[in-house]
Amino acid sequence: MLELKFETKTVHTIKDSDWDSFIKKTFPKSPYEGVCCEEELGNGSTFSHNSAEIDLTESIKISNYLDGNLNIEDMISTGDIINCLVTDTVLPEGLYNININW
């Protein structure tokens, strides 16, 4: 019998409204407008991002953005925010699926 090779991953599934609420409540001064706006996603779509640790310089830049001290919204993506929060141990590692439903 041929053995099936596979990898098991952790998947975090989140509603877009829960994600946006979490960001707004945790970082009230952030210029981040929400996953749907920032990633230009339509109803029924899913934003997927596999988290990765980032270096200190990138983490500081994203943290400054989230704190409202750096207005570079065109340069910070939802994936960047996930990576920063994983690196800072605010969120666990894994694949993040944010479901869009409006």
N, C-alpha and C. Protein backbone atom coordinates (compact mmCIF):
# COMPACT_ATOMS: atom_id res chain seq x y z
N MET A 1 0.85 -1.19 0.00
CA MET A 1 0.00 0.00 0.00
C MET A 1 0.89 1.24 0.00
N LEU A 2 0.61 2.18 -0.85
CA LEU A 2 1.35 3.43 -0.94
C LEU A 2 0.96 4.34 0.22
N GLU A 3 1.95 4.90 0.89
CA GLU A 3 1.68 5.79 2.03
C GLU A 3 1.45 7.22 1.54
N LEU A 4 0.38 7.83 2.04
CA LEU A 4 0.07 9.21 1.69
C LEU A 4 0.88 10.15 2.57
N LYS A 5 1.65 11.01 1.96
CA LYS A 5 2.44 11.98 2.71
C LYS A 5 1.64 13.26 2.85
N PHE A 6 1.57 13.81 4.05
CA PHE A 6 0.87 15.06 4.28
C PHE A 6 1.47 15.79 5.47
N GLU A 7 1.15 17.05 5.54
CA GLU A 7 1.60 17.91 6.63
C GLU A 7 0.36 18.46 7.33
N THR A 8 0.38 18.46 8.65
CA THR A 8 -0.73 19.00 9.43
C THR A 8 -0.37 20.42 9.84
N LYS A 9 -1.31 21.35 9.63
CA LYS A 9 -1.07 22.75 9.97
C LYS A 9 -2.16 23.25 10.90
N THR A 10 -1.81 24.25 11.68
CA THR A 10 -2.80 24.93 12.51
C THR A 10 -3.45 26.01 11.66
N VAL A 11 -4.78 26.03 11.63
CA VAL A 11 -5.52 27.04 10.88
C VAL A 11 -6.41 27.81 11.84
N HIS A 12 -6.27 29.13 11.82
CA HIS A 12 -7.10 30.01 12.64
C HIS A 12 -8.11 30.67 11.69
N THR A 13 -9.39 30.37 11.87
CA THR A 13 -10.43 30.93 11.03
C THR A 13 -11.15 32.02 11.81
N ILE A 14 -11.24 33.20 11.20
CA ILE A 14 -11.76 34.39 11.87
C ILE A 14 -12.77 35.08 10.96
N LYS A 15 -13.84 35.60 11.54
CA LYS A 15 -14.76 36.45 10.77
C LYS A 15 -14.12 37.83 10.63
N ASP A 16 -14.31 38.46 9.48
CA ASP A 16 -13.71 39.78 9.26
C ASP A 16 -14.15 40.79 10.30
N SER A 17 -15.39 40.73 10.74
CA SER A 17 -15.87 41.69 11.75
C SER A 17 -15.16 41.49 13.08
N ASP A 18 -14.84 40.24 13.42
CA ASP A 18 -14.10 39.97 14.66
C ASP A 18 -12.66 40.47 14.55
N TRP A 19 -12.04 40.24 13.40
CA TRP A 19 -10.67 40.73 13.17
C TRP A 19 -10.61 42.25 13.26
N ASP A 20 -11.51 42.91 12.54
CA ASP A 20 -11.52 44.38 12.52
C ASP A 20 -11.79 44.95 13.91
N SER A 21 -12.69 44.34 14.63
CA SER A 21 -13.01 44.79 15.99
C SER A 21 -11.80 44.61 16.91
N PHE A 22 -11.12 43.49 16.79
CA PHE A 22 -9.92 43.23 17.59
C PHE A 22 -8.85 44.30 17.34
N ILE A 23 -8.61 44.61 16.06
CA ILE A 23 -7.59 45.61 15.72
C ILE A 23 -8.00 46.98 16.23
N LYS A 24 -9.26 47.37 16.02
CA LYS A 24 -9.72 48.70 16.44
C LYS A 24 -9.68 48.86 17.97
N LYS A 25 -10.03 47.81 18.70
CA LYS A 25 -10.03 47.89 20.17
C LYS A 25 -8.61 47.82 20.74
N THR A 26 -7.76 47.01 20.12
CA THR A 26 -6.38 46.85 20.60
C THR A 26 -5.50 48.02 20.20
N PHE A 27 -5.75 48.58 19.02
CA PHE A 27 -4.93 49.67 18.47
C PHE A 27 -5.84 50.81 18.00
N PRO A 28 -6.47 51.53 18.92
CA PRO A 28 -7.47 52.54 18.54
C PRO A 28 -6.93 53.69 17.70
N LYS A 29 -5.63 53.94 17.72
CA LYS A 29 -5.06 55.05 16.94
C LYS A 29 -4.54 54.61 15.57
N SER A 30 -4.65 53.34 15.27
CA SER A 30 -4.14 52.81 14.00
C SER A 30 -4.95 53.32 12.82
N PRO A 31 -4.28 53.65 11.70
CA PRO A 31 -5.00 54.06 10.50
C PRO A 31 -5.55 52.88 9.70
N TYR A 32 -5.31 51.66 10.15
CA TYR A 32 -5.80 50.45 9.48
C TYR A 32 -7.32 50.49 9.38
N GLU A 33 -7.86 50.33 8.17
CA GLU A 33 -9.29 50.48 7.94
C GLU A 33 -10.07 49.17 7.97
N GLY A 34 -9.40 48.05 8.07
CA GLY A 34 -10.07 46.76 8.08
C GLY A 34 -9.59 45.89 6.95
N VAL A 35 -9.71 44.58 7.15
CA VAL A 35 -9.18 43.63 6.18
C VAL A 35 -9.86 43.77 4.81
N CYS A 36 -11.15 44.01 4.78
CA CYS A 36 -11.87 44.12 3.51
C CYS A 36 -11.37 45.31 2.70
N CYS A 37 -11.21 46.46 3.35
CA CYS A 37 -10.74 47.68 2.67
C CYS A 37 -9.26 47.57 2.30
N GLU A 38 -8.45 47.15 3.25
CA GLU A 38 -7.00 47.12 3.03
C GLU A 38 -6.59 46.11 1.95
N GLU A 39 -7.28 45.00 1.90
CA GLU A 39 -6.91 43.94 0.95
C GLU A 39 -7.82 43.92 -0.28
N GLU A 40 -8.80 44.84 -0.33
CA GLU A 40 -9.73 44.96 -1.45
C GLU A 40 -10.41 43.62 -1.76
N LEU A 41 -11.09 43.09 -0.74
CA LEU A 41 -11.74 41.79 -0.86
C LEU A 41 -13.24 41.95 -0.98
N GLY A 42 -13.87 41.05 -1.70
CA GLY A 42 -15.31 41.08 -1.89
C GLY A 42 -16.02 40.13 -0.94
N ASN A 43 -17.32 40.28 -0.88
CA ASN A 43 -18.15 39.43 -0.04
C ASN A 43 -17.98 37.96 -0.43
N GLY A 44 -17.86 37.10 0.57
CA GLY A 44 -17.71 35.66 0.33
C GLY A 44 -16.29 35.21 0.09
N SER A 45 -15.34 36.12 0.09
CA SER A 45 -13.94 35.75 -0.13
C SER A 45 -13.24 35.47 1.21
N THR A 46 -12.03 34.99 1.12
CA THR A 46 -11.23 34.69 2.31
C THR A 46 -9.83 35.23 2.12
N PHE A 47 -9.36 35.96 3.11
CA PHE A 47 -7.96 36.40 3.13
C PHE A 47 -7.18 35.32 3.88
N SER A 48 -6.15 34.77 3.24
CA SER A 48 -5.32 33.73 3.86
C SER A 48 -3.89 34.21 3.99
N HIS A 49 -3.31 33.94 5.15
CA HIS A 49 -1.92 34.32 5.38
C HIS A 49 -1.29 33.32 6.34
N ASN A 50 -0.16 32.76 5.94
CA ASN A 50 0.60 31.87 6.79
C ASN A 50 1.60 32.71 7.56
N SER A 51 1.47 32.75 8.87
CA SER A 51 2.29 33.64 9.68
C SER A 51 3.77 33.30 9.60
N ALA A 52 4.59 34.33 9.77
CA ALA A 52 6.04 34.19 9.78
C ALA A 52 6.61 35.21 10.76
N GLU A 53 7.67 34.81 11.44
CA GLU A 53 8.31 35.77 12.34
C GLU A 53 9.07 36.80 11.51
N ILE A 54 9.11 38.03 12.04
CA ILE A 54 9.80 39.11 11.35
C ILE A 54 10.91 39.65 12.24
N ASP A 55 11.82 40.41 11.64
CA ASP A 55 12.93 40.96 12.43
C ASP A 55 12.48 42.16 13.26
N LEU A 56 13.33 42.57 14.17
CA LEU A 56 13.01 43.64 15.11
C LEU A 56 12.68 44.96 14.39
N THR A 57 13.44 45.31 13.36
CA THR A 57 13.22 46.56 12.64
C THR A 57 11.82 46.60 12.03
N GLU A 58 11.42 45.51 11.39
CA GLU A 58 10.09 45.43 10.78
C GLU A 58 9.00 45.45 11.85
N SER A 59 9.23 44.75 12.94
CA SER A 59 8.26 44.72 14.05
C SER A 59 8.04 46.12 14.64
N ILE A 60 9.11 46.87 14.80
CA ILE A 60 9.01 48.24 15.33
C ILE A 60 8.23 49.13 14.37
N LYS A 61 8.50 49.00 13.07
CA LYS A 61 7.80 49.81 12.06
C LYS A 61 6.30 49.51 12.10
N ILE A 62 5.93 48.25 12.14
CA ILE A 62 4.51 47.87 12.15
C ILE A 62 3.86 48.28 13.46
N SER A 63 4.57 48.12 14.57
CA SER A 63 4.04 48.54 15.88
C SER A 63 3.79 50.05 15.90
N ASN A 64 4.71 50.82 15.34
CA ASN A 64 4.51 52.28 15.25
C ASN A 64 3.29 52.62 14.42
N TYR A 65 3.10 51.91 13.33
CA TYR A 65 1.91 52.10 12.49
C TYR A 65 0.64 51.80 13.29
N LEU A 66 0.62 50.66 14.00
CA LEU A 66 -0.55 50.27 14.78
C LEU A 66 -0.84 51.24 15.92
N ASP A 67 0.19 51.86 16.45
CA ASP A 67 0.02 52.84 17.52
C ASP A 67 -0.33 54.23 17.00
N GLY A 68 -0.44 54.37 15.67
CA GLY A 68 -0.81 55.66 15.08
C GLY A 68 0.35 56.63 14.96
N ASN A 69 1.57 56.16 15.14
CA ASN A 69 2.74 57.02 15.08
C ASN A 69 3.40 57.04 13.70
N LEU A 70 2.88 56.26 12.78
CA LEU A 70 3.48 56.16 11.46
C LEU A 70 2.35 55.92 10.48
N ASN A 71 2.05 56.87 9.63
CA ASN A 71 0.93 56.75 8.71
C ASN A 71 1.42 56.30 7.34
N ILE A 72 1.61 55.01 7.21
CA ILE A 72 2.08 54.45 5.94
C ILE A 72 1.17 53.30 5.51
N GLU A 73 -0.14 53.54 5.51
CA GLU A 73 -1.09 52.48 5.26
C GLU A 73 -0.85 51.73 3.95
N ASP A 74 -0.28 52.37 2.95
CA ASP A 74 -0.04 51.68 1.70
C ASP A 74 1.11 50.67 1.80
N MET A 75 1.87 50.75 2.88
CA MET A 75 3.03 49.87 3.02
C MET A 75 2.82 48.76 4.06
N ILE A 76 1.74 48.79 4.81
CA ILE A 76 1.48 47.79 5.83
C ILE A 76 0.25 46.99 5.42
N SER A 77 0.40 45.69 5.32
CA SER A 77 -0.71 44.84 4.92
C SER A 77 -1.26 44.08 6.13
N THR A 78 -2.38 43.43 5.94
CA THR A 78 -2.95 42.59 6.98
C THR A 78 -1.97 41.48 7.35
N GLY A 79 -1.29 40.92 6.36
CA GLY A 79 -0.28 39.90 6.61
C GLY A 79 0.87 40.42 7.46
N ASP A 80 1.28 41.66 7.21
CA ASP A 80 2.34 42.28 8.02
C ASP A 80 1.88 42.39 9.48
N ILE A 81 0.63 42.78 9.68
CA ILE A 81 0.10 42.93 11.04
C ILE A 81 0.06 41.57 11.73
N ILE A 82 -0.40 40.54 11.02
CA ILE A 82 -0.42 39.19 11.60
C ILE A 82 0.99 38.77 11.98
N ASN A 83 1.95 38.98 11.09
CA ASN A 83 3.34 38.61 11.38
C ASN A 83 3.86 39.33 12.62
N CYS A 84 3.56 40.61 12.74
CA CYS A 84 4.01 41.40 13.89
C CYS A 84 3.40 40.85 15.18
N LEU A 85 2.10 40.57 15.15
CA LEU A 85 1.43 40.09 16.34
C LEU A 85 1.88 38.68 16.72
N VAL A 86 2.24 37.86 15.74
CA VAL A 86 2.80 36.54 16.03
C VAL A 86 4.21 36.68 16.61
N THR A 87 5.02 37.53 16.03
CA THR A 87 6.38 37.76 16.52
C THR A 87 6.37 38.29 17.95
N ASP A 88 5.40 39.18 18.24
CA ASP A 88 5.28 39.75 19.59
C ASP A 88 4.49 38.85 20.53
N THR A 89 4.18 37.63 20.10
CA THR A 89 3.44 36.60 20.85
C THR A 89 2.05 37.05 21.30
N VAL A 90 1.45 37.97 20.57
CA VAL A 90 0.06 38.37 20.83
C VAL A 90 -0.87 37.32 20.23
N LEU A 91 -0.50 36.79 19.05
CA LEU A 91 -1.26 35.76 18.37
C LEU A 91 -0.38 34.51 18.20
N PRO A 92 -1.00 33.32 18.15
CA PRO A 92 -0.23 32.10 17.91
C PRO A 92 0.15 31.96 16.44
N GLU A 93 1.18 31.17 16.16
CA GLU A 93 1.60 30.89 14.79
C GLU A 93 0.52 30.10 14.07
N GLY A 94 0.57 30.11 12.76
CA GLY A 94 -0.31 29.28 11.97
C GLY A 94 -0.83 29.99 10.74
N LEU A 95 -1.71 29.31 10.07
CA LEU A 95 -2.37 29.86 8.89
C LEU A 95 -3.61 30.60 9.36
N TYR A 96 -3.76 31.85 8.92
CA TYR A 96 -4.91 32.68 9.27
C TYR A 96 -5.82 32.81 8.06
N ASN A 97 -7.07 32.41 8.23
CA ASN A 97 -8.10 32.59 7.20
C ASN A 97 -9.12 33.56 7.79
N ILE A 98 -9.23 34.72 7.16
CA ILE A 98 -10.21 35.72 7.59
C ILE A 98 -11.32 35.73 6.55
N ASN A 99 -12.50 35.29 6.96
CA ASN A 99 -13.65 35.18 6.07
C ASN A 99 -14.39 36.51 5.97
N ILE A 100 -14.63 36.93 4.73
CA ILE A 100 -15.30 38.21 4.47
C ILE A 100 -16.79 37.95 4.26
N ASN A 101 -17.61 38.64 5.04
CA ASN A 101 -19.05 38.49 4.93
C ASN A 101 -19.73 39.80 5.29
N TRP A 102 -20.28 40.52 4.29
CA TRP A 102 -20.98 41.76 4.56
C TRP A 102 -22.34 41.76 3.96
